[in-house]
């Protein structure tokens, strides 16, 4: 588990999380391996972020078959370079339901992506969350969203 609540979180270079990543109710359960939760201050990733496995969360934690969460609640979320989410991505009612695998939820301040954003799988949302057969949500509630570079959504939306 990587849980950073205050201060800066800087990654310069490559971040690779090739295995399953997951947590449930603030801790790890059988078969689960981690959580990245940044509640305050800056989260900066410069270089490559690769999450090739399944990523998911339900109501702040992971359940069976779910594997990870990136939750940025306050301040800036900056990704410079390449963000690749090759698996299925989905959320419903603030969390993941059966068959759903991840959530990017930016609630306050700025979400900036400079470079390439690639979401090659199916992306869908309904009534603030995902329903059966839907796979992802990007939910930005306050502040600015800036994408400088290429935004590619080659799947169904």
C-alpha atoms as a PDB file:
ATOM      1  CA  UNK A   1       0.000   0.000   0.000  1.00  0.00           C
ATOM      2  CA  UNK A   2       1.184   3.504  -0.828  1.00  0.00           C
ATOM      3  CA  UNK A   3      -0.844   6.001   1.228  1.00  0.00           C
ATOM      4  CA  UNK A   4       0.362   9.595   1.134  1.00  0.00           C
ATOM      5  CA  UNK A   5      -1.877  12.074   2.923  1.00  0.00           C
ATOM      6  CA  UNK A   6       0.320  15.170   3.223  1.00  0.00           C
ATOM      7  CA  UNK A   7       3.304  16.560   1.369  1.00  0.00           C
ATOM      8  CA  UNK A   8       4.563  16.027  -2.152  1.00  0.00           C
ATOM      9  CA  UNK A   9       4.571  12.773  -4.088  1.00  0.00           C
ATOM     10  CA  UNK A  10       7.058  12.997  -6.955  1.00  0.00           C
ATOM     11  CA  UNK A  11       7.994  10.258  -9.385  1.00  0.00           C
ATOM     12  CA  UNK A  12      10.609  11.183 -11.970  1.00  0.00           C
ATOM     13  CA  UNK A  13      11.054   8.401 -14.510  1.00  0.00           C
ATOM     14  CA  UNK A  14       9.119   5.178 -14.952  1.00  0.00           C
ATOM     15  CA  UNK A  15       6.418   3.834 -12.636  1.00  0.00           C
ATOM     16  CA  UNK A  16       5.466   0.262 -13.471  1.00  0.00           C
ATOM     17  CA  UNK A  17       2.781  -1.669 -11.593  1.00  0.00           C
ATOM     18  CA  UNK A  18       2.534  -4.867 -13.661  1.00  0.00           C
ATOM     19  CA  UNK A  19       0.825  -7.027 -11.039  1.00  0.00           C
ATOM     20  CA  UNK A  20      -2.536  -6.806  -9.356  1.00  0.00           C
ATOM     21  CA  UNK A  21      -3.043  -3.734  -7.220  1.00  0.00           C
ATOM     22  CA  UNK A  22      -5.779  -3.585  -4.612  1.00  0.00           C
ATOM     23  CA  UNK A  23      -6.985  -2.722  -1.147  1.00  0.00           C
ATOM     24  CA  UNK A  24     -10.169  -3.000   0.865  1.00  0.00           C
ATOM     25  CA  UNK A  25     -11.296  -0.761   3.717  1.00  0.00           C
ATOM     26  CA  UNK A  26      -7.899   0.825   4.304  1.00  0.00           C
ATOM     27  CA  UNK A  27      -5.946  -2.431   4.321  1.00  0.00           C
ATOM     28  CA  UNK A  28      -4.990  -5.364   2.136  1.00  0.00           C
ATOM     29  CA  UNK A  29      -6.996  -8.556   1.792  1.00  0.00           C
ATOM     30  CA  UNK A  30      -6.080 -11.946   0.353  1.00  0.00           C
ATOM     31  CA  UNK A  31      -4.692 -11.644  -3.151  1.00  0.00           C
ATOM     32  CA  UNK A  32      -4.620  -7.859  -3.047  1.00  0.00           C
ATOM     33  CA  UNK A  33      -1.386  -5.923  -3.250  1.00  0.00           C
ATOM     34  CA  UNK A  34      -1.633  -2.147  -2.991  1.00  0.00           C
ATOM     35  CA  UNK A  35      -3.328   1.212  -3.098  1.00  0.00           C
ATOM     36  CA  UNK A  36      -2.226   4.622  -4.252  1.00  0.00           C
ATOM     37  CA  UNK A  37      -4.250   7.250  -2.393  1.00  0.00           C
ATOM     38  CA  UNK A  38      -3.194  10.888  -2.372  1.00  0.00           C
ATOM     39  CA  UNK A  39      -5.462  13.109  -0.314  1.00  0.00           C
ATOM     40  CA  UNK A  40      -3.615  16.422  -0.045  1.00  0.00           C
ATOM     41  CA  UNK A  41      -0.965  18.446  -1.854  1.00  0.00           C
ATOM     42  CA  UNK A  42       0.646  17.539  -5.158  1.00  0.00           C
ATOM     43  CA  UNK A  43       0.813  14.254  -7.032  1.00  0.00           C
ATOM     44  CA  UNK A  44       3.298  14.580  -9.888  1.00  0.00           C
ATOM     45  CA  UNK A  45       4.271  11.832 -12.280  1.00  0.00           C
ATOM     46  CA  UNK A  46       6.881  12.767 -14.856  1.00  0.00           C
ATOM     47  CA  UNK A  47       7.643  10.103 -17.408  1.00  0.00           C
ATOM     48  CA  UNK A  48       5.655   6.919 -17.962  1.00  0.00           C
ATOM     49  CA  UNK A  49       2.815   5.541 -15.838  1.00  0.00           C
ATOM     50  CA  UNK A  50       1.904   1.983 -16.795  1.00  0.00           C
ATOM     51  CA  UNK A  51      -0.943   0.057 -15.163  1.00  0.00           C
ATOM     52  CA  UNK A  52      -1.240  -3.056 -17.353  1.00  0.00           C
ATOM     53  CA  UNK A  53      -3.291  -5.102 -14.884  1.00  0.00           C
ATOM     54  CA  UNK A  54      -6.861  -4.648 -13.738  1.00  0.00           C
ATOM     55  CA  UNK A  55      -7.542  -1.637 -11.547  1.00  0.00           C
ATOM     56  CA  UNK A  56     -10.667  -1.225  -9.421  1.00  0.00           C
ATOM     57  CA  UNK A  57     -12.271  -0.004  -6.218  1.00  0.00           C
ATOM     58  CA  UNK A  58     -15.621  -0.132  -4.448  1.00  0.00           C
ATOM     59  CA  UNK A  59     -16.726   2.419  -1.822  1.00  0.00           C
ATOM     60  CA  UNK A  60     -13.155   3.362  -0.874  1.00  0.00           C
ATOM     61  CA  UNK A  61     -11.855  -0.198  -0.895  1.00  0.00           C
ATOM     62  CA  UNK A  62     -11.494  -3.244  -3.125  1.00  0.00           C
ATOM     63  CA  UNK A  63     -13.637  -6.350  -3.253  1.00  0.00           C
ATOM     64  CA  UNK A  64     -13.068  -9.778  -4.806  1.00  0.00           C
ATOM     65  CA  UNK A  65     -11.649  -9.478  -8.300  1.00  0.00           C
ATOM     66  CA  UNK A  66     -10.845  -5.787  -7.934  1.00  0.00           C
ATOM     67  CA  UNK A  67      -7.258  -4.631  -7.983  1.00  0.00           C
ATOM     68  CA  UNK A  68      -6.530  -0.921  -7.459  1.00  0.00           C
ATOM     69  CA  UNK A  69      -7.462   2.695  -6.931  1.00  0.00           C
ATOM     70  CA  UNK A  70      -6.016   6.060  -7.815  1.00  0.00           C
ATOM     71  CA  UNK A  71      -7.905   8.621  -5.737  1.00  0.00           C
ATOM     72  CA  UNK A  72      -6.811  12.249  -5.730  1.00  0.00           C
ATOM     73  CA  UNK A  73      -9.067  14.379  -3.552  1.00  0.00           C
ATOM     74  CA  UNK A  74      -7.344  17.733  -3.132  1.00  0.00           C
ATOM     75  CA  UNK A  75      -4.774  19.943  -4.855  1.00  0.00           C
ATOM     76  CA  UNK A  76      -3.105  19.163  -8.155  1.00  0.00           C
ATOM     77  CA  UNK A  77      -2.893  15.909 -10.074  1.00  0.00           C
ATOM     78  CA  UNK A  78      -0.292  16.321 -12.810  1.00  0.00           C
ATOM     79  CA  UNK A  79       0.734  13.650 -15.272  1.00  0.00           C
ATOM     80  CA  UNK A  80       3.459  14.608 -17.724  1.00  0.00           C
ATOM     81  CA  UNK A  81       4.310  12.149 -20.429  1.00  0.00           C
ATOM     82  CA  UNK A  82       2.336   9.006 -21.149  1.00  0.00           C
ATOM     83  CA  UNK A  83      -0.643   7.618 -19.234  1.00  0.00           C
ATOM     84  CA  UNK A  84      -1.579   4.126 -20.386  1.00  0.00           C
ATOM     85  CA  UNK A  85      -4.570   2.212 -19.028  1.00  0.00           C
ATOM     86  CA  UNK A  86      -4.784  -0.780 -21.393  1.00  0.00           C
ATOM     87  CA  UNK A  87      -7.234  -2.802 -19.303  1.00  0.00           C
ATOM     88  CA  UNK A  88     -10.888  -2.188 -18.574  1.00  0.00           C
ATOM     89  CA  UNK A  89     -11.653   0.940 -16.581  1.00  0.00           C
ATOM     90  CA  UNK A  90     -14.939   1.509 -14.784  1.00  0.00           C
ATOM     91  CA  UNK A  91     -16.744   2.938 -11.790  1.00  0.00           C
ATOM     92  CA  UNK A  92     -20.284   3.221 -10.466  1.00  0.00           C
ATOM     93  CA  UNK A  93     -21.637   5.339  -7.608  1.00  0.00           C
ATOM     94  CA  UNK A  94     -18.154   6.290  -6.411  1.00  0.00           C
ATOM     95  CA  UNK A  95     -16.854   2.748  -6.628  1.00  0.00           C
ATOM     96  CA  UNK A  96     -16.571  -0.341  -8.784  1.00  0.00           C
ATOM     97  CA  UNK A  97     -19.265  -2.979  -9.243  1.00  0.00           C
ATOM     98  CA  UNK A  98     -19.035  -6.506 -10.658  1.00  0.00           C
ATOM     99  CA  UNK A  99     -16.996  -6.554 -13.850  1.00  0.00           C
ATOM    100  CA  UNK A 100     -15.762  -3.005 -13.358  1.00  0.00           C
ATOM    101  CA  UNK A 101     -12.095  -2.329 -12.788  1.00  0.00           C
ATOM    102  CA  UNK A 102     -11.057   1.251 -12.014  1.00  0.00           C
ATOM    103  CA  UNK A 103     -11.728   4.865 -11.230  1.00  0.00           C
ATOM    104  CA  UNK A 104      -9.935   8.147 -11.710  1.00  0.00           C
ATOM    105  CA  UNK A 105     -11.763  10.632  -9.470  1.00  0.00           C
ATOM    106  CA  UNK A 106     -10.477  14.189  -9.145  1.00  0.00           C
ATOM    107  CA  UNK A 107     -12.705  16.121  -6.747  1.00  0.00           C
ATOM    108  CA  UNK A 108     -10.997  19.460  -6.201  1.00  0.00           C
ATOM    109  CA  UNK A 109      -8.479  21.740  -7.873  1.00  0.00           C
ATOM    110  CA  UNK A 110      -6.759  20.867 -11.118  1.00  0.00           C
ATOM    111  CA  UNK A 111      -6.323  17.713 -13.145  1.00  0.00           C
ATOM    112  CA  UNK A 112      -3.645  18.269 -15.782  1.00  0.00           C
ATOM    113  CA  UNK A 113      -2.505  15.746 -18.359  1.00  0.00           C
ATOM    114  CA  UNK A 114       0.359  16.883 -20.560  1.00  0.00           C
ATOM    115  CA  UNK A 115       1.233  14.431 -23.294  1.00  0.00           C
ATOM    116  CA  UNK A 116      -0.699  11.364 -24.390  1.00  0.00           C
ATOM    117  CA  UNK A 117      -3.804   9.935 -22.722  1.00  0.00           C
ATOM    118  CA  UNK A 118      -4.778   6.553 -24.130  1.00  0.00           C
ATOM    119  CA  UNK A 119      -7.935   4.677 -23.122  1.00  0.00           C
ATOM    120  CA  UNK A 120      -8.106   1.865 -25.701  1.00  0.00           C
ATOM    121  CA  UNK A 121     -10.980  -0.078 -24.114  1.00  0.00           C
ATOM    122  CA  UNK A 122     -14.675   0.743 -23.849  1.00  0.00           C
ATOM    123  CA  UNK A 123     -15.599   3.823 -21.855  1.00  0.00           C
ATOM    124  CA  UNK A 124     -19.079   4.636 -20.567  1.00  0.00           C
ATOM    125  CA  UNK A 125     -21.021   6.275 -17.767  1.00  0.00           C
ATOM    126  CA  UNK A 126     -24.646   6.745 -16.744  1.00  0.00           C
ATOM    127  CA  UNK A 127     -26.161   8.787 -13.908  1.00  0.00           C
ATOM    128  CA  UNK A 128     -22.784   9.615 -12.375  1.00  0.00           C
ATOM    129  CA  UNK A 129     -21.605   6.020 -12.415  1.00  0.00           C
ATOM    130  CA  UNK A 130     -21.324   2.877 -14.513  1.00  0.00           C
ATOM    131  CA  UNK A 131     -23.929   0.233 -15.133  1.00  0.00           C
ATOM    132  CA  UNK A 132     -23.621  -3.325 -16.424  1.00  0.00           C
ATOM    133  CA  UNK A 133     -21.510  -3.417 -19.586  1.00  0.00           C
ATOM    134  CA  UNK A 134     -19.962  -0.009 -18.941  1.00  0.00           C
ATOM    135  CA  UNK A 135     -16.275   0.247 -18.187  1.00  0.00           C
ATOM    136  CA  UNK A 136     -15.044   3.667 -17.098  1.00  0.00           C
ATOM    137  CA  UNK A 137     -15.527   7.138 -15.789  1.00  0.00           C
ATOM    138  CA  UNK A 138     -13.422  10.232 -15.523  1.00  0.00           C
ATOM    139  CA  UNK A 139     -15.230  12.359 -12.920  1.00  0.00           C
ATOM    140  CA  UNK A 140     -13.969  15.868 -12.275  1.00  0.00           C
ATOM    141  CA  UNK A 141     -16.190  17.758  -9.860  1.00  0.00           C
ATOM    142  CA  UNK A 142     -14.379  21.058  -9.259  1.00  0.00           C
ATOM    143  CA  UNK A 143     -11.565  23.072 -10.785  1.00  0.00           C
ATOM    144  CA  UNK A 144      -9.932  22.929 -14.188  1.00  0.00           C
ATOM    145  CA  UNK A 145      -9.254  20.041 -16.517  1.00  0.00           C
ATOM    146  CA  UNK A 146      -6.435  20.644 -18.975  1.00  0.00           C
ATOM    147  CA  UNK A 147      -5.197  18.216 -21.575  1.00  0.00           C
ATOM    148  CA  UNK A 148      -2.191  19.416 -23.543  1.00  0.00           C
ATOM    149  CA  UNK A 149      -1.313  16.957 -26.279  1.00  0.00           C
ATOM    150  CA  UNK A 150      -3.228  14.009 -27.682  1.00  0.00           C
ATOM    151  CA  UNK A 151      -6.450  12.564 -26.267  1.00  0.00           C
ATOM    152  CA  UNK A 152      -7.249   9.181 -27.791  1.00  0.00           C
ATOM    153  CA  UNK A 153     -10.487   7.317 -27.100  1.00  0.00           C
ATOM    154  CA  UNK A 154     -10.474   4.625 -29.810  1.00  0.00           C
ATOM    155  CA  UNK A 155     -13.069   2.357 -28.180  1.00  0.00           C
ATOM    156  CA  UNK A 156     -16.802   2.788 -27.717  1.00  0.00           C
ATOM    157  CA  UNK A 157     -17.947   5.786 -25.698  1.00  0.00           C
END
